[in-house]
Protein backbone atom coordinates (compact mmCIF):
# COMPACT_ATOMS: atom_id res chain seq x y z
CA MET A 1 0.01 -0.04 0.06
CA VAL A 2 1.28 3.33 -1.10
CA PHE A 3 -0.32 6.52 0.20
CA HIS A 4 0.47 9.84 -1.81
CA GLN A 5 1.37 13.22 -0.46
CA THR A 6 -0.99 16.45 -0.99
CA ILE A 7 -0.30 17.11 -4.58
CA GLU A 8 -2.74 17.98 -7.36
CA THR A 9 -1.96 14.93 -9.19
CA GLN A 10 -2.68 12.95 -6.04
CA ALA A 11 -2.15 9.13 -6.54
CA GLN A 12 -0.84 9.63 -10.07
CA GLN A 13 2.42 10.69 -8.61
CA ALA A 14 3.07 7.51 -6.53
CA ALA A 15 2.08 5.49 -9.31
CA GLY A 16 4.22 7.07 -11.84
CA ILE A 17 1.57 8.57 -14.06
CA ASP A 18 2.65 11.95 -13.02
CA ALA A 19 6.49 11.45 -13.54
CA SER A 20 7.52 15.00 -12.76
CA ASN A 21 9.43 14.10 -9.37
CA PRO A 22 10.72 10.30 -9.83
CA GLU A 23 11.82 10.58 -6.13
CA LEU A 24 8.33 10.31 -5.02
CA MET A 25 7.17 7.62 -7.36
CA HIS A 26 7.05 5.27 -4.40
CA GLY A 27 4.85 2.56 -6.10
CA VAL A 28 7.14 2.46 -9.15
CA GLN A 29 10.19 1.97 -7.07
CA LEU A 30 8.61 -0.75 -5.07
CA VAL A 31 7.07 -2.60 -8.04
CA ARG A 32 10.73 -2.73 -9.47
CA ARG A 33 11.84 -4.26 -6.19
CA GLY A 34 9.17 -6.90 -6.73
CA TYR A 35 6.30 -5.93 -4.66
CA VAL A 36 2.45 -5.66 -5.71
CA VAL A 37 1.57 -2.07 -4.99
CA LEU A 38 -1.80 -0.37 -4.87
CA CYS A 39 -1.68 3.54 -4.85
CA PRO A 40 -5.40 4.62 -3.71
CA ARG A 41 -6.36 8.38 -3.99
CA CYS A 42 -7.23 10.01 -0.60
CA PHE A 43 -10.79 10.94 -0.37
CA ILE A 44 -10.01 14.70 0.15
CA PHE A 45 -9.35 14.73 -3.69
CA ASP A 46 -12.83 13.35 -4.70
CA GLU A 47 -14.08 15.34 -7.60
CA GLY A 48 -16.84 17.79 -7.06
CA ALA A 49 -15.67 19.54 -3.81
CA ASP A 50 -12.50 20.73 -2.14
CA HIS A 51 -10.84 19.25 0.91
CA ALA A 52 -13.28 20.66 3.48
CA GLY A 53 -16.34 20.02 1.32
CA ASN A 54 -15.30 16.33 0.91
CA VAL A 55 -15.08 15.99 4.74
CA ALA A 56 -18.44 17.63 4.91
CA ILE A 57 -19.97 15.05 2.56
CA VAL A 58 -18.39 12.24 4.80
CA GLN A 59 -20.03 14.00 7.91
CA ARG A 60 -23.33 14.03 6.61
CA ARG A 61 -23.40 10.35 6.63
CA HIS A 62 -21.26 10.07 9.83
CA PRO A 63 -21.52 12.88 11.81
CA ASP A 64 -18.91 11.48 14.46
CA TRP A 65 -16.27 10.94 11.99
CA THR A 66 -13.11 12.84 11.27
CA GLY A 67 -11.22 13.11 8.10
CA MET A 68 -8.60 10.74 9.72
CA THR A 69 -11.62 8.38 10.47
CA ARG A 70 -12.39 8.18 6.81
CA MET A 71 -8.70 7.94 5.70
CA THR A 72 -8.38 5.10 8.20
CA TRP A 73 -11.43 3.29 7.03
CA ASP A 74 -10.05 3.69 3.31
CA GLY A 75 -6.77 2.17 4.36
CA ILE A 76 -8.46 -0.92 5.70
CA ARG A 77 -10.80 -1.49 2.79
CA ALA A 78 -7.66 -1.00 0.52
CA VAL A 79 -5.99 -3.86 2.14
CA ASP A 80 -9.23 -5.96 1.63
CA PHE A 81 -8.83 -5.37 -2.03
CA LEU A 82 -5.09 -5.97 -2.11
CA GLU A 83 -5.23 -9.36 -0.16
CA SER A 84 -8.03 -10.49 -2.69
CA LEU A 85 -5.52 -10.49 -5.51
CA PRO A 86 -4.23 -13.99 -6.45
CA ASN A 87 -0.69 -12.74 -6.54
CA VAL A 88 -0.50 -11.21 -2.99
CA ASP A 89 0.51 -12.90 0.04
CA PRO A 90 -1.99 -11.64 2.74
CA ALA A 91 0.63 -12.27 5.44
CA ARG A 92 3.09 -9.90 3.85
CA ILE A 93 1.42 -6.56 3.50
CA GLY A 94 3.10 -3.51 4.15
CA GLY A 95 2.52 0.35 3.88
CA LEU A 96 4.34 3.49 2.99
CA GLY A 97 3.13 7.17 2.97
CA HIS A 98 4.80 10.37 2.49
CA SER A 99 3.41 13.55 4.08
CA LEU A 100 -0.42 13.39 3.97
CA GLY A 101 0.08 9.77 2.97
CA ALA A 102 2.31 9.28 6.17
CA LYS A 103 -0.61 10.43 8.39
CA GLY A 104 -2.79 7.83 6.43
CA VAL A 105 -0.59 4.77 6.75
CA LEU A 106 -0.05 5.66 10.51
CA TYR A 107 -3.69 5.15 11.35
CA ALA A 108 -4.33 2.60 8.95
CA ALA A 109 -1.57 0.38 10.59
CA ALA A 110 -2.58 1.15 14.04
CA PHE A 111 -6.06 -0.06 13.53
CA ASP A 112 -5.46 -2.89 11.04
CA GLU A 113 -3.01 -5.64 12.17
CA ARG A 114 -2.69 -6.86 8.70
CA TYR A 115 -0.20 -4.18 8.05
CA ARG A 116 3.20 -6.20 8.84
CA ALA A 117 5.38 -3.02 8.34
CA VAL A 118 5.06 0.52 7.75
CA VAL A 119 7.26 3.52 6.53
CA PHE A 120 5.99 6.95 7.80
CA SER A 121 7.75 9.60 5.77
CA GLU A 122 7.71 13.25 6.75
CA GLY A 123 4.10 13.33 8.07
CA GLY A 124 4.84 14.86 11.26
CA ILE A 125 4.59 12.43 13.96
CA GLY A 126 3.75 14.76 16.83
CA LEU A 127 0.45 16.52 17.14
CA GLY A 128 2.23 19.86 17.20
CA PHE A 129 4.57 19.05 14.32
CA SER A 130 2.17 19.49 11.35
CA ASN A 131 -1.46 20.57 10.73
CA TRP A 132 -3.15 17.77 12.38
CA GLU A 133 -5.87 20.04 13.49
CA ALA A 134 -7.12 20.58 9.93
CA LEU A 135 -10.72 19.48 9.38
CA TRP A 136 -9.49 16.77 6.85
CA TYR A 137 -7.29 15.17 9.64
CA LEU A 138 -8.31 15.23 13.32
CA GLY A 139 -10.09 18.63 13.71
CA LYS A 140 -9.53 21.63 16.11
CA ASN A 141 -10.57 19.55 19.35
CA ILE A 142 -6.99 18.37 19.45
CA ARG A 143 -5.80 22.09 20.34
CA ALA A 144 -8.03 22.11 23.08
CA PRO A 145 -6.33 22.82 26.59
CA GLY A 146 -5.53 19.52 28.44
CA PHE A 147 -6.13 17.32 25.29
CA PRO A 148 -4.70 14.10 26.66
CA LEU A 149 -3.50 12.13 23.60
CA GLU A 150 -0.25 11.98 21.61
CA HIS A 151 0.88 9.80 18.75
CA HIS A 152 3.30 7.59 20.52
CA GLN A 153 0.15 5.99 21.91
CA LEU A 154 -1.13 5.33 18.51
CA MET A 155 2.38 3.97 17.57
CA ALA A 156 2.20 1.56 20.65
CA LEU A 157 -0.87 -0.13 18.74
CA ILE A 158 1.47 -1.01 15.88
CA ALA A 159 3.97 -2.87 18.18
CA PRO A 160 5.71 -5.41 17.51
CA ARG A 161 5.06 -5.03 13.84
CA GLY A 162 7.79 -3.02 11.82
CA PHE A 163 7.64 0.84 12.08
CA LEU A 164 10.00 3.15 10.46
CA LEU A 165 9.99 6.90 10.60
CA LEU A 166 11.76 8.93 7.92
CA ALA A 167 12.56 12.71 9.07
CA GLY A 168 13.84 15.37 6.85
CA GLU A 169 14.00 18.32 9.29
CA THR A 170 10.81 19.88 8.12
CA VAL A 171 7.79 18.39 9.73
CA ASP A 172 9.82 15.62 11.22
CA GLY A 173 13.32 16.19 12.64
CA ALA A 174 15.21 15.71 15.82
CA GLY A 175 12.34 15.88 18.15
CA SER A 176 10.73 12.86 16.09
CA GLY A 177 13.10 10.61 17.76
CA ALA A 178 11.47 11.06 21.14
CA PHE A 179 8.38 9.29 19.62
CA VAL A 180 10.36 6.36 18.69
CA GLU A 181 12.14 6.10 22.04
CA ALA A 182 9.00 6.51 23.84
CA VAL A 183 7.36 3.37 22.11
CA ARG A 184 10.46 1.34 22.21
CA PRO A 185 9.65 -0.06 25.67
CA VAL A 186 6.37 -1.53 24.29
CA TYR A 187 8.24 -3.21 21.47
CA ALA A 188 10.60 -4.50 24.13
CA LEU A 189 7.86 -6.31 25.92
CA TYR A 190 7.35 -8.14 22.73
CA GLY A 191 10.90 -8.86 22.42
CA ALA A 192 11.37 -6.90 19.35
CA PRO A 193 12.84 -3.59 20.20
CA GLN A 194 14.64 -3.58 16.66
CA ASN A 195 11.24 -3.26 14.96
CA VAL A 196 10.81 0.39 15.43
CA ALA A 197 13.59 2.66 14.04
CA TRP A 198 13.93 6.06 12.53
CA LEU A 199 16.42 7.75 10.09
CA ASN A 200 16.74 11.64 9.88
CA HIS A 201 18.12 12.19 6.38
CA ALA A 202 17.81 15.94 6.86
CA ALA A 203 17.13 16.62 3.21
CA GLY A 204 13.86 18.33 3.63
CA HIS A 205 10.46 17.46 2.82
CA ARG A 206 11.55 14.78 0.41
CA TYR A 207 12.20 11.10 0.00
CA PRO A 208 15.85 11.12 -1.10
CA PRO A 209 17.95 8.17 -2.17
CA ALA A 210 19.11 7.58 1.42
CA ALA A 211 15.47 7.29 2.56
CA GLN A 212 14.49 5.11 -0.20
CA GLU A 213 17.28 2.66 0.52
CA ARG A 214 16.54 2.51 4.15
CA ALA A 215 12.81 2.02 3.59
CA GLU A 216 13.32 -0.75 0.93
CA ALA A 217 15.72 -2.53 3.09
CA PHE A 218 13.21 -2.42 5.85
CA PHE A 219 10.40 -3.63 3.92
CA ASP A 220 12.58 -6.54 2.70
CA ALA A 221 13.45 -7.55 6.05
CA HIS A 222 9.92 -7.71 7.33
CA LEU A 223 7.96 -8.72 4.19
CA LYS A 224 10.39 -10.96 2.32
CA LYS A 225 11.51 -13.18 5.26
């Protein structure tokens, strides 16, 4: 599963139809490495409305949903489709997301144990690192005084499955390591502290060759055993 960033061409970039930035053609890169890849379009890019309008459409049907609820649901349903393919091993499903897509893969993996390994690239792991309060993500309630939750708690739901965080010193950077370290004791309880890791490539809001190399080695270790 490859979840795209916020860009006008949405999933077409990850799938290589928009080849203007080969660095972010994640789906093509992984196919070349031997993986079967699905690149779904995020619902906020549905035709006929803008991001906020598409959230409003969802909330008319499900008033208690946030944008992340819909993204999580879509990430789960996408795996339903992927594992129905005859050339896919349902026990070896991974997910990669960059920026917007990183947010999606984090939540999808936390609530769907079929994701065996995930790569979170420059999504802003802390609630204060990025625009998580946007209507199409978690909404303004996360900025209320005393809001008690943070994303290391969500990461703990993924343990002991593989989790790799890629930082570029934009929305993720030196501070992101604290989230990895906060959840490492949970992984240790499962006897798998090595399954959670991070890399700060410091190359900006990108997926440079160093990040690609680390992510693909990570997937190979977790999904090709």
